PDB file of N, CA and C in Angstrom:
ATOM      1  N   UNK A   1      21.252  10.212  18.942  1.00  0.00           N
ATOM      2  CA  UNK A   1      21.767  10.959  17.680  1.00  0.00           C
ATOM      3  C   UNK A   1      21.218  10.310  16.240  1.00  0.00           C
ATOM      4  N   UNK A   2      20.664  11.241  15.410  1.00  0.00           N
ATOM      5  CA  UNK A   2      20.180  10.460  14.364  1.00  0.00           C
ATOM      6  C   UNK A   2      20.864  10.076  13.305  1.00  0.00           C
ATOM      7  N   UNK A   3      20.614   8.833  12.635  1.00  0.00           N
ATOM      8  CA  UNK A   3      21.701   8.734  11.491  1.00  0.00           C
ATOM      9  C   UNK A   3      20.734   8.714   9.964  1.00  0.00           C
ATOM     10  N   UNK A   4      21.279   9.318   8.973  1.00  0.00           N
ATOM     11  CA  UNK A   4      20.412   8.958   7.834  1.00  0.00           C
ATOM     12  C   UNK A   4      20.778   7.695   7.109  1.00  0.00           C
ATOM     13  N   UNK A   5      19.788   7.022   6.443  1.00  0.00           N
ATOM     14  CA  UNK A   5      19.766   5.711   6.217  1.00  0.00           C
ATOM     15  C   UNK A   5      19.536   6.101   4.516  1.00  0.00           C
ATOM     16  N   UNK A   6      20.535   5.599   3.596  1.00  0.00           N
ATOM     17  CA  UNK A   6      20.407   6.036   2.351  1.00  0.00           C
ATOM     18  C   UNK A   6      20.929   4.286   1.646  1.00  0.00           C
ATOM     19  N   UNK A   7      20.547   4.201   0.619  1.00  0.00           N
ATOM     20  CA  UNK A   7      20.512   3.240  -0.564  1.00  0.00           C
ATOM     21  C   UNK A   7      20.411   3.430  -1.741  1.00  0.00           C
ATOM     22  N   UNK A   8      21.200   2.973  -2.672  1.00  0.00           N
ATOM     23  CA  UNK A   8      20.766   3.138  -4.251  1.00  0.00           C
ATOM     24  C   UNK A   8      19.869   2.013  -4.723  1.00  0.00           C
ATOM     25  N   UNK A   9      19.599   1.313  -4.083  1.00  0.00           N
ATOM     26  CA  UNK A   9      18.428   0.221  -4.286  1.00  0.00           C
ATOM     27  C   UNK A   9      17.200   0.495  -4.100  1.00  0.00           C
ATOM     28  N   UNK A  10      16.794   2.030  -3.442  1.00  0.00           N
ATOM     29  CA  UNK A  10      15.696   2.164  -3.358  1.00  0.00           C
ATOM     30  C   UNK A  10      15.823   3.530  -4.172  1.00  0.00           C
ATOM     31  N   UNK A  11      14.615   4.423  -4.737  1.00  0.00           N
ATOM     32  CA  UNK A  11      14.837   5.622  -5.349  1.00  0.00           C
ATOM     33  C   UNK A  11      15.362   6.702  -4.701  1.00  0.00           C
ATOM     34  N   UNK A  12      16.208   7.682  -5.201  1.00  0.00           N
ATOM     35  CA  UNK A  12      16.530   8.732  -4.415  1.00  0.00           C
ATOM     36  C   UNK A  12      15.613   9.850  -4.259  1.00  0.00           C
ATOM     37  N   UNK A  13      15.807  10.546  -3.205  1.00  0.00           N
ATOM     38  CA  UNK A  13      14.562  11.418  -2.957  1.00  0.00           C
ATOM     39  C   UNK A  13      14.904  12.487  -3.889  1.00  0.00           C
ATOM     40  N   UNK A  14      13.036  12.741  -4.187  1.00  0.00           N
ATOM     41  CA  UNK A  14      13.014  13.717  -5.013  1.00  0.00           C
ATOM     42  C   UNK A  14      12.659  15.185  -4.434  1.00  0.00           C
ATOM     43  N   UNK A  15      13.049  15.278  -3.284  1.00  0.00           N
ATOM     44  CA  UNK A  15      13.312  16.798  -2.690  1.00  0.00           C
ATOM     45  C   UNK A  15      14.256  16.720  -1.569  1.00  0.00           C
ATOM     46  N   UNK A  16      13.706  17.810  -0.605  1.00  0.00           N
ATOM     47  CA  UNK A  16      14.740  17.958   0.443  1.00  0.00           C
ATOM     48  C   UNK A  16      14.353  17.094   1.640  1.00  0.00           C
ATOM     49  N   UNK A  17      14.460  15.494   1.452  1.00  0.00           N
ATOM     50  CA  UNK A  17      14.456  14.373   2.784  1.00  0.00           C
ATOM     51  C   UNK A  17      15.484  13.582   2.182  1.00  0.00           C
ATOM     52  N   UNK A  18      15.308  12.671   3.300  1.00  0.00           N
ATOM     53  CA  UNK A  18      16.040  11.370   3.504  1.00  0.00           C
ATOM     54  C   UNK A  18      15.143  10.170   2.767  1.00  0.00           C
ATOM     55  N   UNK A  19      15.842   9.020   2.664  1.00  0.00           N
ATOM     56  CA  UNK A  19      15.086   7.981   2.157  1.00  0.00           C
ATOM     57  C   UNK A  19      14.395   7.542   3.752  1.00  0.00           C
ATOM     58  N   UNK A  20      15.486   7.518   4.915  1.00  0.00           N
ATOM     59  CA  UNK A  20      15.031   7.193   6.093  1.00  0.00           C
ATOM     60  C   UNK A  20      15.953   7.737   7.312  1.00  0.00           C
ATOM     61  N   UNK A  21      15.415   7.886   8.093  1.00  0.00           N
ATOM     62  CA  UNK A  21      16.214   8.013   9.544  1.00  0.00           C
ATOM     63  C   UNK A  21      16.340   7.247  10.526  1.00  0.00           C
ATOM     64  N   UNK A  22      17.515   6.680  11.104  1.00  0.00           N
ATOM     65  CA  UNK A  22      17.406   5.868  12.124  1.00  0.00           C
ATOM     66  C   UNK A  22      17.700   6.807  13.744  1.00  0.00           C
ATOM     67  N   UNK A  23      17.054   6.434  14.439  1.00  0.00           N
ATOM     68  CA  UNK A  23      16.992   7.345  15.900  1.00  0.00           C
ATOM     69  C   UNK A  23      16.523   6.439  17.082  1.00  0.00           C
ATOM     70  N   UNK A  24      17.261   6.236  17.991  1.00  0.00           N
ATOM     71  CA  UNK A  24      16.735   5.685  19.275  1.00  0.00           C
ATOM     72  C   UNK A  24      15.991   4.195  18.558  1.00  0.00           C
ATOM     73  N   UNK A  25      16.717   3.473  18.047  1.00  0.00           N
ATOM     74  CA  UNK A  25      16.079   2.158  18.148  1.00  0.00           C
ATOM     75  C   UNK A  25      15.208   1.884  16.952  1.00  0.00           C
ATOM     76  N   UNK A  26      14.708   3.100  16.296  1.00  0.00           N
ATOM     77  CA  UNK A  26      13.831   3.212  15.260  1.00  0.00           C
ATOM     78  C   UNK A  26      14.585   3.408  13.881  1.00  0.00           C
ATOM     79  N   UNK A  27      14.046   2.985  12.551  1.00  0.00           N
ATOM     80  CA  UNK A  27      14.231   3.253  11.523  1.00  0.00           C
ATOM     81  C   UNK A  27      12.623   3.598  10.916  1.00  0.00           C
ATOM     82  N   UNK A  28      12.598   5.091  10.581  1.00  0.00           N
ATOM     83  CA  UNK A  28      11.514   5.695   9.949  1.00  0.00           C
ATOM     84  C   UNK A  28      11.661   6.090   8.684  1.00  0.00           C
ATOM     85  N   UNK A  29      10.889   5.277   7.634  1.00  0.00           N
ATOM     86  CA  UNK A  29      11.233   5.677   6.256  1.00  0.00           C
ATOM     87  C   UNK A  29      10.174   6.891   5.778  1.00  0.00           C
ATOM     88  N   UNK A  30      10.738   7.273   4.802  1.00  0.00           N
ATOM     89  CA  UNK A  30       9.813   8.267   4.017  1.00  0.00           C
ATOM     90  C   UNK A  30       9.379   7.712   3.112  1.00  0.00           C
ATOM     91  N   UNK A  31       8.081   8.332   2.688  1.00  0.00           N
ATOM     92  CA  UNK A  31       6.862   7.623   1.772  1.00  0.00           C
ATOM     93  C   UNK A  31       7.804   7.269   0.629  1.00  0.00           C
ATOM     94  N   UNK A  32       7.614   6.253   0.346  1.00  0.00           N
ATOM     95  CA  UNK A  32       8.172   5.275  -0.943  1.00  0.00           C
ATOM     96  C   UNK A  32       6.936   5.209  -2.121  1.00  0.00           C
ATOM     97  N   UNK A  33       7.539   5.981  -3.220  1.00  0.00           N
ATOM     98  CA  UNK A  33       6.581   5.925  -4.392  1.00  0.00           C
ATOM     99  C   UNK A  33       7.071   4.593  -4.977  1.00  0.00           C
ATOM    100  N   UNK A  34       6.184   4.269  -6.287  1.00  0.00           N
ATOM    101  CA  UNK A  34       6.401   3.107  -6.797  1.00  0.00           C
ATOM    102  C   UNK A  34       7.393   3.147  -7.677  1.00  0.00           C
ATOM    103  N   UNK A  35       8.506   4.031  -7.748  1.00  0.00           N
ATOM    104  CA  UNK A  35       9.534   4.084  -8.813  1.00  0.00           C
ATOM    105  C   UNK A  35      10.538   2.992  -8.687  1.00  0.00           C
ATOM    106  N   UNK A  36      10.963   2.593  -9.896  1.00  0.00           N
ATOM    107  CA  UNK A  36      11.594   1.680 -10.074  1.00  0.00           C
ATOM    108  C   UNK A  36      13.161   2.201  -9.919  1.00  0.00           C
ATOM    109  N   UNK A  37      14.167   1.959  -9.081  1.00  0.00           N
ATOM    110  CA  UNK A  37      15.141   2.848  -8.630  1.00  0.00           C
ATOM    111  C   UNK A  37      16.448   2.621  -9.979  1.00  0.00           C
ATOM    112  N   UNK A  38      16.281   1.712 -10.762  1.00  0.00           N
ATOM    113  CA  UNK A  38      17.125   1.681 -11.958  1.00  0.00           C
ATOM    114  C   UNK A  38      16.758   2.380 -13.112  1.00  0.00           C
ATOM    115  N   UNK A  39      15.199   2.613 -13.592  1.00  0.00           N
ATOM    116  CA  UNK A  39      14.755   3.346 -14.472  1.00  0.00           C
ATOM    117  C   UNK A  39      13.929   4.471 -14.165  1.00  0.00           C
ATOM    118  N   UNK A  40      13.473   4.669 -13.023  1.00  0.00           N
ATOM    119  CA  UNK A  40      13.117   5.974 -12.655  1.00  0.00           C
ATOM    120  C   UNK A  40      11.519   5.869 -12.925  1.00  0.00           C
ATOM    121  N   UNK A  41      10.971   4.660 -13.543  1.00  0.00           N
ATOM    122  CA  UNK A  41       9.619   4.642 -13.983  1.00  0.00           C
ATOM    123  C   UNK A  41       8.517   4.061 -13.121  1.00  0.00           C
ATOM    124  N   UNK A  42       7.249   4.150 -13.222  1.00  0.00           N
ATOM    125  CA  UNK A  42       6.415   3.509 -12.358  1.00  0.00           C
ATOM    126  C   UNK A  42       5.930   2.253 -13.003  1.00  0.00           C
ATOM    127  N   UNK A  43       5.517   0.916 -12.790  1.00  0.00           N
ATOM    128  CA  UNK A  43       4.962  -0.044 -13.058  1.00  0.00           C
ATOM    129  C   UNK A  43       3.305   0.319 -13.358  1.00  0.00           C
ATOM    130  N   UNK A  44       2.818  -0.325 -14.180  1.00  0.00           N
ATOM    131  CA  UNK A  44       1.479  -0.303 -14.516  1.00  0.00           C
ATOM    132  C   UNK A  44       0.399  -0.784 -13.121  1.00  0.00           C
ATOM    133  N   UNK A  45      -0.377  -0.154 -12.992  1.00  0.00           N
ATOM    134  CA  UNK A  45      -1.670  -0.747 -12.128  1.00  0.00           C
ATOM    135  C   UNK A  45      -1.083  -0.884 -10.678  1.00  0.00           C
ATOM    136  N   UNK A  46      -2.225  -0.876  -9.942  1.00  0.00           N
ATOM    137  CA  UNK A  46      -2.035  -1.010  -8.439  1.00  0.00           C
ATOM    138  C   UNK A  46      -1.159  -2.012  -7.759  1.00  0.00           C
ATOM    139  N   UNK A  47      -1.581  -3.209  -8.246  1.00  0.00           N
ATOM    140  CA  UNK A  47      -0.595  -4.337  -7.559  1.00  0.00           C
ATOM    141  C   UNK A  47       0.942  -4.193  -7.962  1.00  0.00           C
ATOM    142  N   UNK A  48       1.278  -3.882  -8.978  1.00  0.00           N
ATOM    143  CA  UNK A  48       2.696  -3.572  -9.194  1.00  0.00           C
ATOM    144  C   UNK A  48       3.186  -2.593  -8.648  1.00  0.00           C
ATOM    145  N   UNK A  49       2.469  -1.445  -8.624  1.00  0.00           N
ATOM    146  CA  UNK A  49       3.016  -0.016  -8.005  1.00  0.00           C
ATOM    147  C   UNK A  49       3.062  -0.549  -6.371  1.00  0.00           C
ATOM    148  N   UNK A  50       2.096  -1.327  -5.839  1.00  0.00           N
ATOM    149  CA  UNK A  50       2.255  -1.641  -4.427  1.00  0.00           C
ATOM    150  C   UNK A  50       3.631  -2.470  -4.080  1.00  0.00           C
ATOM    151  N   UNK A  51       3.871  -3.511  -5.134  1.00  0.00           N
ATOM    152  CA  UNK A  51       4.802  -4.330  -4.936  1.00  0.00           C
ATOM    153  C   UNK A  51       6.178  -3.475  -4.884  1.00  0.00           C
ATOM    154  N   UNK A  52       6.330  -2.317  -5.734  1.00  0.00           N
ATOM    155  CA  UNK A  52       7.476  -1.796  -6.245  1.00  0.00           C
ATOM    156  C   UNK A  52       8.104  -0.654  -4.933  1.00  0.00           C
ATOM    157  N   UNK A  53       6.738  -0.112  -4.399  1.00  0.00           N
ATOM    158  CA  UNK A  53       6.779   0.749  -3.300  1.00  0.00           C
ATOM    159  C   UNK A  53       7.241   0.007  -1.919  1.00  0.00           C
ATOM    160  N   UNK A  54       6.729  -1.176  -1.772  1.00  0.00           N
ATOM    161  CA  UNK A  54       7.055  -2.154  -0.585  1.00  0.00           C
ATOM    162  C   UNK A  54       8.503  -2.658  -1.070  1.00  0.00           C
ATOM    163  N   UNK A  55       8.722  -2.887  -2.238  1.00  0.00           N
ATOM    164  CA  UNK A  55      10.371  -3.200  -2.592  1.00  0.00           C
ATOM    165  C   UNK A  55      11.352  -2.090  -2.350  1.00  0.00           C
ATOM    166  N   UNK A  56      11.054  -1.133  -2.498  1.00  0.00           N
ATOM    167  CA  UNK A  56      11.748   0.149  -1.779  1.00  0.00           C
ATOM    168  C   UNK A  56      11.796   0.211  -0.565  1.00  0.00           C
ATOM    169  N   UNK A  57      10.770   0.032   0.268  1.00  0.00           N
ATOM    170  CA  UNK A  57      10.938   0.077   1.733  1.00  0.00           C
ATOM    171  C   UNK A  57      11.790  -1.037   2.168  1.00  0.00           C
ATOM    172  N   UNK A  58      11.499  -2.485   1.583  1.00  0.00           N
ATOM    173  CA  UNK A  58      12.418  -3.205   1.935  1.00  0.00           C
ATOM    174  C   UNK A  58      13.828  -3.074   1.829  1.00  0.00           C
ATOM    175  N   UNK A  59      14.171  -2.281   0.723  1.00  0.00           N
ATOM    176  CA  UNK A  59      15.794  -2.015   0.596  1.00  0.00           C
ATOM    177  C   UNK A  59      16.318  -1.107   1.200  1.00  0.00           C
ATOM    178  N   UNK A  60      15.281  -0.197   1.814  1.00  0.00           N
ATOM    179  CA  UNK A  60      15.682   0.758   3.046  1.00  0.00           C
ATOM    180  C   UNK A  60      16.075   0.257   4.100  1.00  0.00           C
ATOM    181  N   UNK A  61      14.966  -0.637   4.584  1.00  0.00           N
ATOM    182  CA  UNK A  61      15.084  -1.377   5.673  1.00  0.00           C
ATOM    183  C   UNK A  61      16.550  -2.386   5.975  1.00  0.00           C
ATOM    184  N   UNK A  62      16.968  -3.061   4.437  1.00  0.00           N
ATOM    185  CA  UNK A  62      17.995  -3.637   4.421  1.00  0.00           C
ATOM    186  C   UNK A  62      19.358  -3.137   4.648  1.00  0.00           C
ATOM    187  N   UNK A  63      19.238  -2.064   4.205  1.00  0.00           N
ATOM    188  CA  UNK A  63      20.461  -0.857   4.353  1.00  0.00           C
ATOM    189  C   UNK A  63      20.721  -0.507   5.802  1.00  0.00           C
ATOM    190  N   UNK A  64      19.598  -0.647   6.644  1.00  0.00           N
ATOM    191  CA  UNK A  64      19.573  -0.411   7.973  1.00  0.00           C
ATOM    192  C   UNK A  64      19.809  -1.494   8.922  1.00  0.00           C
ATOM    193  N   UNK A  65      19.928  -2.642   8.099  1.00  0.00           N
ATOM    194  CA  UNK A  65      20.163  -4.167   9.131  1.00  0.00           C
ATOM    195  C   UNK A  65      18.933  -4.574   9.471  1.00  0.00           C
ATOM    196  N   UNK A  66      17.900  -4.373   8.640  1.00  0.00           N
ATOM    197  CA  UNK A  66      16.347  -4.870   9.362  1.00  0.00           C
ATOM    198  C   UNK A  66      15.688  -5.575   8.090  1.00  0.00           C
ATOM    199  N   UNK A  67      14.688  -5.954   8.600  1.00  0.00           N
ATOM    200  CA  UNK A  67      13.666  -6.801   7.744  1.00  0.00           C
ATOM    201  C   UNK A  67      12.455  -6.321   7.574  1.00  0.00           C
ATOM    202  N   UNK A  68      11.411  -7.066   7.060  1.00  0.00           N
ATOM    203  CA  UNK A  68      10.152  -6.356   6.953  1.00  0.00           C
ATOM    204  C   UNK A  68       9.462  -6.708   8.464  1.00  0.00           C
ATOM    205  N   UNK A  69      10.058  -7.598   8.856  1.00  0.00           N
ATOM    206  CA  UNK A  69       9.718  -8.480   9.950  1.00  0.00           C
ATOM    207  C   UNK A  69      10.134  -7.323  11.114  1.00  0.00           C
ATOM    208  N   UNK A  70      10.415  -6.444  11.246  1.00  0.00           N
ATOM    209  CA  UNK A  70      10.968  -5.565  12.214  1.00  0.00           C
ATOM    210  C   UNK A  70       9.899  -3.901  12.097  1.00  0.00           C
ATOM    211  N   UNK A  71       9.188  -4.262  10.961  1.00  0.00           N
ATOM    212  CA  UNK A  71       8.412  -3.022  10.631  1.00  0.00           C
ATOM    213  C   UNK A  71       7.104  -3.093  11.751  1.00  0.00           C
ATOM    214  N   UNK A  72       7.208  -1.743  12.339  1.00  0.00           N
ATOM    215  CA  UNK A  72       5.855  -1.655  13.534  1.00  0.00           C
ATOM    216  C   UNK A  72       4.576  -1.060  13.222  1.00  0.00           C
ATOM    217  N   UNK A  73       4.686  -0.118  12.130  1.00  0.00           N
ATOM    218  CA  UNK A  73       3.887   0.563  11.776  1.00  0.00           C
ATOM    219  C   UNK A  73       3.840   0.912  10.150  1.00  0.00           C
ATOM    220  N   UNK A  74       2.874   0.872   9.601  1.00  0.00           N
ATOM    221  CA  UNK A  74       3.034   1.623   8.072  1.00  0.00           C
ATOM    222  C   UNK A  74       1.865   2.597   7.894  1.00  0.00           C
ATOM    223  N   UNK A  75       1.997   3.328   7.054  1.00  0.00           N
ATOM    224  CA  UNK A  75       0.963   4.379   6.574  1.00  0.00           C
ATOM    225  C   UNK A  75       0.875   4.072   4.745  1.00  0.00           C
ATOM    226  N   UNK A  76      -0.493   3.841   4.522  1.00  0.00           N
ATOM    227  CA  UNK A  76      -0.621   3.749   3.007  1.00  0.00           C
ATOM    228  C   UNK A  76      -1.345   4.825   2.581  1.00  0.00           C
ATOM    229  N   UNK A  77      -0.985   5.305   1.487  1.00  0.00           N
ATOM    230  CA  UNK A  77      -1.457   6.279   0.966  1.00  0.00           C
ATOM    231  C   UNK A  77      -2.051   6.067  -0.669  1.00  0.00           C
ATOM    232  N   UNK A  78      -3.502   5.968  -0.525  1.00  0.00           N
ATOM    233  CA  UNK A  78      -3.922   5.654  -1.982  1.00  0.00           C
ATOM    234  C   UNK A  78      -4.651   6.780  -2.629  1.00  0.00           C
ATOM    235  N   UNK A  79      -4.501   6.683  -3.898  1.00  0.00           N
ATOM    236  CA  UNK A  79      -5.255   7.795  -4.802  1.00  0.00           C
ATOM    237  C   UNK A  79      -6.592   7.477  -4.724  1.00  0.00           C
ATOM    238  N   UNK A  80      -6.940   6.245  -4.913  1.00  0.00           N
ATOM    239  CA  UNK A  80      -8.184   5.920  -5.013  1.00  0.00           C
ATOM    240  C   UNK A  80      -8.638   4.563  -3.990  1.00  0.00           C
ATOM    241  N   UNK A  81      -9.215   4.636  -3.034  1.00  0.00           N
ATOM    242  CA  UNK A  81      -9.734   3.713  -1.979  1.00  0.00           C
ATOM    243  C   UNK A  81     -10.400   2.563  -2.650  1.00  0.00           C
ATOM    244  N   UNK A  82     -10.848   2.844  -3.881  1.00  0.00           N
ATOM    245  CA  UNK A  82     -11.343   1.418  -4.537  1.00  0.00           C
ATOM    246  C   UNK A  82     -10.242   0.597  -4.891  1.00  0.00           C
ATOM    247  N   UNK A  83      -8.940   0.752  -4.846  1.00  0.00           N
ATOM    248  CA  UNK A  83      -7.880   0.021  -4.978  1.00  0.00           C
ATOM    249  C   UNK A  83      -7.147  -0.561  -3.622  1.00  0.00           C
ATOM    250  N   UNK A  84      -7.968  -0.495  -2.579  1.00  0.00           N
ATOM    251  CA  UNK A  84      -7.680  -0.836  -1.383  1.00  0.00           C
ATOM    252  C   UNK A  84      -7.257  -2.417  -1.269  1.00  0.00           C
ATOM    253  N   UNK A  85      -8.511  -3.370  -1.762  1.00  0.00           N
ATOM    254  CA  UNK A  85      -8.266  -4.850  -1.962  1.00  0.00           C
ATOM    255  C   UNK A  85      -7.123  -5.314  -2.692  1.00  0.00           C
ATOM    256  N   UNK A  86      -6.995  -4.598  -3.955  1.00  0.00           N
ATOM    257  CA  UNK A  86      -5.545  -5.288  -4.858  1.00  0.00           C
ATOM    258  C   UNK A  86      -4.491  -4.771  -4.063  1.00  0.00           C
ATOM    259  N   UNK A  87      -4.349  -3.567  -3.315  1.00  0.00           N
ATOM    260  CA  UNK A  87      -2.909  -3.200  -2.881  1.00  0.00           C
ATOM    261  C   UNK A  87      -3.041  -4.295  -1.546  1.00  0.00           C
ATOM    262  N   UNK A  88      -4.074  -4.603  -0.666  1.00  0.00           N
ATOM    263  CA  UNK A  88      -3.842  -5.592   0.270  1.00  0.00           C
ATOM    264  C   UNK A  88      -3.475  -7.061   0.144  1.00  0.00           C
ATOM    265  N   UNK A  89      -3.873  -7.009  -1.102  1.00  0.00           N
ATOM    266  CA  UNK A  89      -3.237  -8.612  -1.495  1.00  0.00           C
ATOM    267  C   UNK A  89      -1.907  -8.622  -1.360  1.00  0.00           C
ATOM    268  N   UNK A  90      -1.243  -7.636  -2.595  1.00  0.00           N
ATOM    269  CA  UNK A  90       0.113  -7.666  -2.236  1.00  0.00           C
ATOM    270  C   UNK A  90       0.855  -6.989  -0.921  1.00  0.00           C
ATOM    271  N   UNK A  91       0.442  -6.704  -0.414  1.00  0.00           N
ATOM    272  CA  UNK A  91       0.892  -5.924   0.848  1.00  0.00           C
ATOM    273  C   UNK A  91       1.250  -7.191   1.764  1.00  0.00           C
ATOM    274  N   UNK A  92      -0.026  -7.952   2.157  1.00  0.00           N
ATOM    275  CA  UNK A  92       0.171  -9.468   2.662  1.00  0.00           C
ATOM    276  C   UNK A  92       1.380 -10.145   2.661  1.00  0.00           C
ATOM    277  N   UNK A  93       1.887  -9.993   1.249  1.00  0.00           N
ATOM    278  CA  UNK A  93       2.907 -10.917   0.994  1.00  0.00           C
ATOM    279  C   UNK A  93       4.300 -10.404   1.320  1.00  0.00           C
ATOM    280  N   UNK A  94       4.367  -9.318   2.070  1.00  0.00           N
ATOM    281  CA  UNK A  94       5.781  -8.602   2.170  1.00  0.00           C
ATOM    282  C   UNK A  94       5.935  -8.824   3.733  1.00  0.00           C
ATOM    283  N   UNK A  95       5.164  -9.551   4.471  1.00  0.00           N
ATOM    284  CA  UNK A  95       5.174  -9.893   5.994  1.00  0.00           C
ATOM    285  C   UNK A  95       4.889 -11.153   6.122  1.00  0.00           C
ATOM    286  N   UNK A  96       5.464 -11.870   7.350  1.00  0.00           N
ATOM    287  CA  UNK A  96       5.470 -13.031   8.084  1.00  0.00           C
ATOM    288  C   UNK A  96       3.824 -13.237   8.421  1.00  0.00           C
ATOM    289  N   UNK A  97       3.070 -14.352   8.141  1.00  0.00           N
ATOM    290  CA  UNK A  97       2.206 -14.703   8.761  1.00  0.00           C
ATOM    291  C   UNK A  97       1.948 -14.436   9.868  1.00  0.00           C
ATOM    292  N   UNK A  98       0.884 -13.634  10.451  1.00  0.00           N
ATOM    293  CA  UNK A  98       1.036 -13.280  12.044  1.00  0.00           C
ATOM    294  C   UNK A  98       1.616 -12.295  12.542  1.00  0.00           C
ATOM    295  N   UNK A  99       2.631 -11.897  11.744  1.00  0.00           N
ATOM    296  CA  UNK A  99       3.507 -10.535  12.270  1.00  0.00           C
ATOM    297  C   UNK A  99       3.393  -9.376  11.300  1.00  0.00           C
ATOM    298  N   UNK A 100       2.191  -9.147  11.168  1.00  0.00           N
ATOM    299  CA  UNK A 100       1.553  -7.785  10.626  1.00  0.00           C
ATOM    300  C   UNK A 100       1.852  -6.555  11.343  1.00  0.00           C
ATOM    301  N   UNK A 101       2.650  -5.553  10.942  1.00  0.00           N
ATOM    302  CA  UNK A 101       2.573  -4.210  11.437  1.00  0.00           C
ATOM    303  C   UNK A 101       1.194  -3.620  11.824  1.00  0.00           C
ATOM    304  N   UNK A 102       1.138  -2.649  12.603  1.00  0.00           N
ATOM    305  CA  UNK A 102      -0.077  -1.691  12.502  1.00  0.00           C
ATOM    306  C   UNK A 102       0.131  -1.059  11.583  1.00  0.00           C
ATOM    307  N   UNK A 103      -1.251  -0.743  11.175  1.00  0.00           N
ATOM    308  CA  UNK A 103      -1.307   0.259   9.773  1.00  0.00           C
ATOM    309  C   UNK A 103      -2.560   1.210   9.727  1.00  0.00           C
ATOM    310  N   UNK A 104      -2.117   2.320   8.953  1.00  0.00           N
ATOM    311  CA  UNK A 104      -3.322   3.170   8.523  1.00  0.00           C
ATOM    312  C   UNK A 104      -3.486   3.084   6.939  1.00  0.00           C
ATOM    313  N   UNK A 105      -4.542   3.318   6.301  1.00  0.00           N
ATOM    314  CA  UNK A 105      -4.681   3.406   4.789  1.00  0.00           C
ATOM    315  C   UNK A 105      -5.811   4.730   4.695  1.00  0.00           C
ATOM    316  N   UNK A 106      -5.133   5.303   4.089  1.00  0.00           N
ATOM    317  CA  UNK A 106      -6.162   6.588   3.511  1.00  0.00           C
ATOM    318  C   UNK A 106      -6.065   6.973   2.082  1.00  0.00           C
ATOM    319  N   UNK A 107      -7.284   7.707   1.661  1.00  0.00           N
ATOM    320  CA  UNK A 107      -7.350   8.002   0.194  1.00  0.00           C
ATOM    321  C   UNK A 107      -6.706   9.430   0.435  1.00  0.00           C
ATOM    322  N   UNK A 108      -6.119  10.023  -0.520  1.00  0.00           N
ATOM    323  CA  UNK A 108      -5.491  11.393  -0.604  1.00  0.00           C
ATOM    324  C   UNK A 108      -5.923  11.824  -2.279  1.00  0.00           C
ATOM    325  N   UNK A 109      -6.057  13.187  -2.213  1.00  0.00           N
ATOM    326  CA  UNK A 109      -6.566  13.966  -3.387  1.00  0.00           C
ATOM    327  C   UNK A 109      -5.470  13.626  -4.572  1.00  0.00           C
ATOM    328  N   UNK A 110      -4.119  13.645  -4.310  1.00  0.00           N
ATOM    329  CA  UNK A 110      -3.191  13.119  -5.288  1.00  0.00           C
ATOM    330  C   UNK A 110      -1.926  12.861  -4.540  1.00  0.00           C
ATOM    331  N   UNK A 111      -1.129  12.070  -5.236  1.00  0.00           N
ATOM    332  CA  UNK A 111       0.345  11.820  -4.683  1.00  0.00           C
ATOM    333  C   UNK A 111       1.314  12.139  -5.972  1.00  0.00           C
ATOM    334  N   UNK A 112       2.617  12.446  -5.489  1.00  0.00           N
ATOM    335  CA  UNK A 112       3.614  12.737  -6.258  1.00  0.00           C
ATOM    336  C   UNK A 112       3.572  11.861  -7.731  1.00  0.00           C
ATOM    337  N   UNK A 113       3.867  12.644  -8.649  1.00  0.00           N
ATOM    338  CA  UNK A 113       4.085  11.913  -9.977  1.00  0.00           C
ATOM    339  C   UNK A 113       3.001  11.386 -10.350  1.00  0.00           C
ATOM    340  N   UNK A 114       1.686  11.483  -9.755  1.00  0.00           N
ATOM    341  CA  UNK A 114       0.587  10.902 -10.024  1.00  0.00           C
ATOM    342  C   UNK A 114       0.667   9.256  -9.790  1.00  0.00           C
ATOM    343  N   UNK A 115       1.244   8.842  -8.526  1.00  0.00           N
ATOM    344  CA  UNK A 115       1.439   7.471  -8.143  1.00  0.00           C
ATOM    345  C   UNK A 115       0.063   7.153  -7.814  1.00  0.00           C
ATOM    346  N   UNK A 116      -0.408   5.941  -7.943  1.00  0.00           N
ATOM    347  CA  UNK A 116      -1.519   5.182  -6.897  1.00  0.00           C
ATOM    348  C   UNK A 116      -1.313   4.839  -5.815  1.00  0.00           C
ATOM    349  N   UNK A 117       0.004   4.455  -5.290  1.00  0.00           N
ATOM    350  CA  UNK A 117       0.080   4.277  -3.808  1.00  0.00           C
ATOM    351  C   UNK A 117       1.350   4.890  -3.464  1.00  0.00           C
ATOM    352  N   UNK A 118       1.488   5.312  -2.105  1.00  0.00           N
ATOM    353  CA  UNK A 118       2.879   5.411  -1.587  1.00  0.00           C
ATOM    354  C   UNK A 118       2.700   4.960  -0.227  1.00  0.00           C
ATOM    355  N   UNK A 119       3.856   4.393   0.371  1.00  0.00           N
ATOM    356  CA  UNK A 119       4.139   3.551   1.300  1.00  0.00           C
ATOM    357  C   UNK A 119       4.986   4.081   2.591  1.00  0.00           C
ATOM    358  N   UNK A 120       5.045   4.563   3.724  1.00  0.00           N
ATOM    359  CA  UNK A 120       6.095   5.013   4.849  1.00  0.00           C
ATOM    360  C   UNK A 120       5.884   3.914   5.864  1.00  0.00           C
ATOM    361  N   UNK A 121       7.035   3.451   6.274  1.00  0.00           N
ATOM    362  CA  UNK A 121       7.089   2.572   7.562  1.00  0.00           C
ATOM    363  C   UNK A 121       7.982   3.213   8.662  1.00  0.00           C
ATOM    364  N   UNK A 122       7.722   2.657   9.820  1.00  0.00           N
ATOM    365  CA  UNK A 122       8.309   2.607  10.883  1.00  0.00           C
ATOM    366  C   UNK A 122       8.621   1.215  11.578  1.00  0.00           C
ATOM    367  N   UNK A 123       9.997   0.967  11.724  1.00  0.00           N
ATOM    368  CA  UNK A 123      10.872  -0.365  12.086  1.00  0.00           C
ATOM    369  C   UNK A 123      11.211  -0.422  13.338  1.00  0.00           C
ATOM    370  N   UNK A 124      11.538  -1.363  14.023  1.00  0.00           N
ATOM    371  CA  UNK A 124      12.213  -1.284  15.380  1.00  0.00           C
ATOM    372  C   UNK A 124      13.244  -1.976  15.308  1.00  0.00           C
ATOM    373  N   UNK A 125      14.378  -1.781  15.818  1.00  0.00           N
ATOM    374  CA  UNK A 125      15.547  -2.791  15.896  1.00  0.00           C
ATOM    375  C   UNK A 125      15.103  -3.602  17.103  1.00  0.00           C
TER     376      UNK A 125
END
């Protein structure tokens, strides 16, 4: 049976979806934009937007009783692949050395609210 995961430490959904769903030992997050949940604003630049997106993912996982070390797969959506290096530097700091999840990173034509990055994750209990 699926269970909805929701926290006020991450931005509320901006559409008809949940922050995350827990089912069969997995927690699957929706894509997390770099919205600060307290202000609703984006930080400047790809590094800070990556940090905020992953901070939002982390908050959702913590609500489900998990950590970033439980993440088995992420997908990173970038508005410009030229930002890959800067995103990757920040991304690496959110995971324990040697415990990196599988990942896809793709450039997309446009992200909601014209974000530079959006990140989704799948974590295992």
